[in-house]
């Protein structure tokens, strides 16, 4: 059985600091290699098919074989995908409903 790791305050602070860091404009969603927030423009490559082309990409990066991306366009639903062991999932659209 694998031994569990405990997140210390220092480790957690580092993760949250990296996640909330605005890294700049994303050129290609397939080659982002940092945790953080990236602006997305109409020149960004590998957007989800049919997605609005302006928004923000949130990436949780834990090496080339494990990451998660959340794309939040300015005007529409959000999209999620993950990469695990060199296999990248398709973009999944998470729809919202108005109340």
N, C-alpha and C. Protein backbone atom coordinates (compact mmCIF):
# COMPACT_ATOMS: atom_id res chain seq x y z
N UNK A 1 0.84 -1.18 0.00
CA UNK A 1 0.00 0.00 0.00
C UNK A 1 0.89 1.25 0.00
N UNK A 2 0.55 2.22 -0.83
CA UNK A 2 1.34 3.45 -0.93
C UNK A 2 1.19 4.30 0.32
N UNK A 3 2.27 4.94 0.66
CA UNK A 3 2.25 5.81 1.83
C UNK A 3 1.67 7.17 1.44
N UNK A 4 0.73 7.67 2.21
CA UNK A 4 0.09 8.96 1.92
C UNK A 4 1.05 10.10 2.20
N UNK A 5 0.93 11.15 1.38
CA UNK A 5 1.73 12.35 1.58
C UNK A 5 0.85 13.42 2.23
N UNK A 6 1.43 14.17 3.12
CA UNK A 6 0.71 15.25 3.79
C UNK A 6 1.13 16.57 3.16
N UNK A 7 0.13 17.39 2.81
CA UNK A 7 0.43 18.71 2.28
C UNK A 7 0.72 19.65 3.43
N UNK A 8 1.91 20.17 3.47
CA UNK A 8 2.25 21.15 4.50
C UNK A 8 1.75 22.52 4.06
N UNK A 9 1.73 23.45 4.98
CA UNK A 9 1.32 24.81 4.64
C UNK A 9 2.21 25.40 3.55
N UNK A 10 3.49 25.09 3.61
CA UNK A 10 4.43 25.62 2.62
C UNK A 10 4.12 25.08 1.23
N UNK A 11 3.88 23.78 1.13
CA UNK A 11 3.56 23.17 -0.17
C UNK A 11 2.24 23.72 -0.69
N UNK A 12 1.23 23.77 0.15
CA UNK A 12 -0.07 24.28 -0.26
C UNK A 12 0.01 25.74 -0.70
N UNK A 13 0.78 26.53 0.02
CA UNK A 13 0.96 27.94 -0.35
C UNK A 13 1.60 28.06 -1.72
N UNK A 14 2.58 27.21 -2.01
CA UNK A 14 3.23 27.23 -3.31
C UNK A 14 2.28 26.87 -4.42
N UNK A 15 1.45 25.85 -4.21
CA UNK A 15 0.47 25.42 -5.22
C UNK A 15 -0.52 26.54 -5.50
N UNK A 16 -1.07 27.13 -4.45
CA UNK A 16 -2.07 28.18 -4.63
C UNK A 16 -1.46 29.44 -5.25
N UNK A 17 -0.24 29.76 -4.87
CA UNK A 17 0.42 30.93 -5.45
C UNK A 17 0.63 30.73 -6.94
N UNK A 18 1.11 29.55 -7.35
CA UNK A 18 1.31 29.27 -8.77
C UNK A 18 -0.02 29.29 -9.53
N UNK A 19 -1.06 28.72 -8.94
CA UNK A 19 -2.35 28.64 -9.61
C UNK A 19 -2.93 30.03 -9.88
N UNK A 20 -2.75 30.95 -8.97
CA UNK A 20 -3.36 32.27 -9.09
C UNK A 20 -2.48 33.27 -9.83
N UNK A 21 -1.39 32.82 -10.40
CA UNK A 21 -0.46 33.69 -11.09
C UNK A 21 -0.88 33.86 -12.55
N UNK A 22 -1.10 35.12 -13.00
CA UNK A 22 -1.43 35.39 -14.40
C UNK A 22 -0.13 35.31 -15.20
N UNK A 23 -0.03 34.29 -16.04
CA UNK A 23 1.22 33.99 -16.74
C UNK A 23 1.37 34.70 -18.08
N UNK A 24 0.30 35.27 -18.60
CA UNK A 24 0.38 35.92 -19.90
C UNK A 24 -0.59 35.28 -20.88
N UNK A 25 -0.35 35.48 -22.17
CA UNK A 25 -1.23 34.96 -23.21
C UNK A 25 -0.82 33.55 -23.60
N UNK A 26 -1.79 32.67 -23.72
CA UNK A 26 -1.56 31.30 -24.15
C UNK A 26 -1.49 31.26 -25.67
N UNK A 27 -0.39 30.74 -26.20
CA UNK A 27 -0.22 30.62 -27.65
C UNK A 27 -0.83 29.32 -28.16
N UNK A 28 -0.62 28.22 -27.42
CA UNK A 28 -1.10 26.89 -27.82
C UNK A 28 -1.47 26.11 -26.57
N UNK A 29 -2.73 25.73 -26.43
CA UNK A 29 -3.19 25.03 -25.23
C UNK A 29 -2.55 23.65 -25.06
N UNK A 30 -2.02 23.09 -26.14
CA UNK A 30 -1.40 21.76 -26.05
C UNK A 30 0.02 21.78 -25.49
N UNK A 31 0.63 22.94 -25.39
CA UNK A 31 2.04 22.98 -24.97
C UNK A 31 2.30 23.85 -23.73
N UNK A 32 1.27 24.16 -22.96
CA UNK A 32 1.44 24.94 -21.74
C UNK A 32 2.13 24.06 -20.69
N UNK A 33 3.21 24.55 -20.10
CA UNK A 33 3.99 23.74 -19.16
C UNK A 33 4.15 24.40 -17.79
N UNK A 34 3.17 25.19 -17.40
CA UNK A 34 3.19 25.84 -16.09
C UNK A 34 1.80 25.81 -15.48
N UNK A 35 1.75 25.80 -14.16
CA UNK A 35 0.50 26.01 -13.46
C UNK A 35 0.22 27.50 -13.46
N UNK A 36 -1.01 27.89 -13.69
CA UNK A 36 -1.36 29.29 -13.64
C UNK A 36 -2.56 29.63 -14.49
N UNK A 37 -2.78 30.92 -14.63
CA UNK A 37 -3.88 31.46 -15.42
C UNK A 37 -3.28 32.09 -16.67
N UNK A 38 -3.88 31.81 -17.82
CA UNK A 38 -3.41 32.35 -19.09
C UNK A 38 -4.57 33.02 -19.81
N UNK A 39 -4.34 34.16 -20.43
CA UNK A 39 -5.38 34.76 -21.24
C UNK A 39 -5.42 34.03 -22.59
N UNK A 40 -6.62 33.91 -23.14
CA UNK A 40 -6.83 33.23 -24.41
C UNK A 40 -7.40 34.24 -25.39
N UNK A 41 -6.83 34.25 -26.60
CA UNK A 41 -7.27 35.18 -27.64
C UNK A 41 -7.60 34.41 -28.90
N UNK A 42 -8.08 35.11 -29.91
CA UNK A 42 -8.47 34.43 -31.15
C UNK A 42 -7.28 33.83 -31.90
N UNK A 43 -6.06 34.09 -31.47
CA UNK A 43 -4.88 33.49 -32.10
C UNK A 43 -4.39 32.24 -31.35
N UNK A 44 -5.00 31.95 -30.19
CA UNK A 44 -4.60 30.77 -29.41
C UNK A 44 -4.95 29.50 -30.17
N UNK A 45 -4.03 28.55 -30.22
CA UNK A 45 -4.25 27.30 -30.93
C UNK A 45 -4.79 26.21 -30.00
N UNK A 46 -5.48 25.24 -30.58
CA UNK A 46 -6.01 24.06 -29.89
C UNK A 46 -7.07 24.38 -28.83
N UNK A 47 -7.91 25.36 -29.16
CA UNK A 47 -9.08 25.64 -28.34
C UNK A 47 -10.09 24.51 -28.51
N UNK A 48 -11.01 24.36 -27.57
CA UNK A 48 -12.09 23.38 -27.78
C UNK A 48 -12.87 23.74 -29.05
N UNK A 49 -13.27 22.73 -29.78
CA UNK A 49 -14.01 22.94 -31.03
C UNK A 49 -15.30 23.71 -30.76
N UNK A 50 -15.50 24.80 -31.50
CA UNK A 50 -16.71 25.59 -31.38
C UNK A 50 -16.75 26.56 -30.21
N UNK A 51 -15.69 26.60 -29.41
CA UNK A 51 -15.68 27.49 -28.23
C UNK A 51 -15.42 28.94 -28.64
N UNK A 52 -15.99 29.85 -27.86
CA UNK A 52 -15.71 31.27 -28.04
C UNK A 52 -14.21 31.48 -27.83
N UNK A 53 -13.59 32.34 -28.65
CA UNK A 53 -12.13 32.42 -28.70
C UNK A 53 -11.49 33.46 -27.80
N UNK A 54 -12.17 33.94 -26.81
CA UNK A 54 -11.59 34.89 -25.86
C UNK A 54 -11.97 34.44 -24.46
N UNK A 55 -11.01 34.38 -23.55
CA UNK A 55 -11.31 33.96 -22.19
C UNK A 55 -10.05 33.69 -21.39
N UNK A 56 -10.15 32.75 -20.45
CA UNK A 56 -9.01 32.40 -19.58
C UNK A 56 -8.84 30.89 -19.50
N UNK A 57 -7.58 30.47 -19.48
CA UNK A 57 -7.23 29.07 -19.29
C UNK A 57 -6.60 28.94 -17.90
N UNK A 58 -7.15 28.05 -17.09
CA UNK A 58 -6.58 27.71 -15.80
C UNK A 58 -5.91 26.36 -15.96
N UNK A 59 -4.63 26.27 -15.64
CA UNK A 59 -3.94 24.99 -15.77
C UNK A 59 -3.30 24.59 -14.44
N UNK A 60 -3.52 23.33 -14.08
CA UNK A 60 -2.86 22.69 -12.94
C UNK A 60 -1.84 21.75 -13.56
N UNK A 61 -0.56 22.04 -13.44
CA UNK A 61 0.48 21.28 -14.14
C UNK A 61 1.33 20.52 -13.14
N UNK A 62 1.45 19.21 -13.35
CA UNK A 62 2.27 18.38 -12.48
C UNK A 62 3.19 17.52 -13.33
N UNK A 63 3.80 18.13 -14.32
CA UNK A 63 4.69 17.42 -15.22
C UNK A 63 4.01 17.10 -16.53
N UNK A 64 4.79 16.66 -17.51
CA UNK A 64 4.27 16.44 -18.85
C UNK A 64 3.25 15.30 -18.93
N UNK A 65 3.23 14.42 -17.92
CA UNK A 65 2.29 13.30 -17.99
C UNK A 65 1.03 13.50 -17.14
N UNK A 66 0.93 14.63 -16.44
CA UNK A 66 -0.24 14.85 -15.60
C UNK A 66 -0.55 16.34 -15.48
N UNK A 67 -1.68 16.74 -16.06
CA UNK A 67 -2.16 18.11 -15.91
C UNK A 67 -3.66 18.17 -16.15
N UNK A 68 -4.26 19.27 -15.73
CA UNK A 68 -5.68 19.50 -15.95
C UNK A 68 -5.85 20.94 -16.44
N UNK A 69 -6.72 21.14 -17.43
CA UNK A 69 -7.00 22.47 -17.94
C UNK A 69 -8.49 22.76 -17.84
N UNK A 70 -8.78 24.00 -17.46
CA UNK A 70 -10.15 24.50 -17.45
C UNK A 70 -10.15 25.77 -18.29
N UNK A 71 -10.93 25.76 -19.37
CA UNK A 71 -11.04 26.94 -20.22
C UNK A 71 -12.37 27.62 -19.95
N UNK A 72 -12.30 28.91 -19.61
CA UNK A 72 -13.51 29.68 -19.31
C UNK A 72 -13.60 30.83 -20.32
N UNK A 73 -14.41 30.65 -21.36
CA UNK A 73 -14.62 31.73 -22.33
C UNK A 73 -15.39 32.89 -21.70
N UNK A 74 -15.26 34.07 -22.28
CA UNK A 74 -15.99 35.24 -21.77
C UNK A 74 -17.50 35.09 -21.91
N UNK A 75 -17.96 34.42 -22.97
CA UNK A 75 -19.39 34.35 -23.27
C UNK A 75 -19.86 32.94 -23.56
N UNK A 76 -19.80 32.02 -22.64
CA UNK A 76 -20.38 30.70 -22.90
C UNK A 76 -20.03 29.74 -21.77
N UNK A 77 -20.26 28.47 -22.04
CA UNK A 77 -20.00 27.41 -21.06
C UNK A 77 -18.49 27.22 -20.89
N UNK A 78 -18.10 26.47 -19.87
CA UNK A 78 -16.68 26.20 -19.70
C UNK A 78 -16.34 24.80 -20.16
N UNK A 79 -15.04 24.55 -20.34
CA UNK A 79 -14.54 23.29 -20.89
C UNK A 79 -13.42 22.77 -19.99
N UNK A 80 -13.32 21.43 -19.91
CA UNK A 80 -12.32 20.79 -19.07
C UNK A 80 -11.68 19.63 -19.83
N UNK A 81 -10.39 19.43 -19.61
CA UNK A 81 -9.72 18.23 -20.11
C UNK A 81 -8.54 17.91 -19.20
N UNK A 82 -8.09 16.66 -19.25
CA UNK A 82 -6.95 16.23 -18.44
C UNK A 82 -5.96 15.46 -19.30
N UNK A 83 -4.76 15.37 -18.81
CA UNK A 83 -3.72 14.52 -19.43
C UNK A 83 -3.17 13.63 -18.34
N UNK A 84 -3.13 12.34 -18.62
CA UNK A 84 -2.60 11.37 -17.68
C UNK A 84 -1.85 10.30 -18.45
N UNK A 85 -0.61 10.07 -18.10
CA UNK A 85 0.23 9.06 -18.76
C UNK A 85 0.21 9.18 -20.29
N UNK A 86 0.50 10.37 -20.77
CA UNK A 86 0.62 10.66 -22.20
C UNK A 86 -0.69 10.53 -22.98
N UNK A 87 -1.82 10.44 -22.29
CA UNK A 87 -3.12 10.39 -22.95
C UNK A 87 -3.90 11.65 -22.57
N UNK A 88 -4.22 12.47 -23.56
CA UNK A 88 -4.98 13.69 -23.30
C UNK A 88 -6.44 13.44 -23.66
N UNK A 89 -7.33 13.75 -22.73
CA UNK A 89 -8.76 13.56 -22.98
C UNK A 89 -9.26 14.62 -23.95
N UNK A 90 -10.42 14.37 -24.51
CA UNK A 90 -11.07 15.37 -25.35
C UNK A 90 -11.59 16.47 -24.42
N UNK A 91 -11.81 17.64 -24.98
CA UNK A 91 -12.43 18.71 -24.22
C UNK A 91 -13.86 18.31 -23.87
N UNK A 92 -14.25 18.50 -22.62
CA UNK A 92 -15.62 18.24 -22.20
C UNK A 92 -16.28 19.58 -21.86
N UNK A 93 -17.41 19.82 -22.46
CA UNK A 93 -18.14 21.07 -22.25
C UNK A 93 -19.04 20.91 -21.04
N UNK A 94 -18.93 21.84 -20.11
CA UNK A 94 -19.79 21.86 -18.94
C UNK A 94 -20.77 23.00 -19.13
N UNK A 95 -22.02 22.65 -19.37
CA UNK A 95 -23.04 23.66 -19.68
C UNK A 95 -23.64 24.23 -18.41
N UNK A 96 -24.04 25.47 -18.50
CA UNK A 96 -24.72 26.12 -17.38
C UNK A 96 -26.15 26.42 -17.81
N UNK A 97 -27.01 26.56 -16.85
CA UNK A 97 -28.40 26.93 -17.12
C UNK A 97 -28.73 28.19 -16.35
N UNK A 98 -29.53 29.03 -16.94
CA UNK A 98 -29.96 30.26 -16.28
C UNK A 98 -31.14 29.97 -15.37
N UNK A 99 -31.20 30.66 -14.25
CA UNK A 99 -32.34 30.51 -13.34
C UNK A 99 -33.05 31.81 -13.17
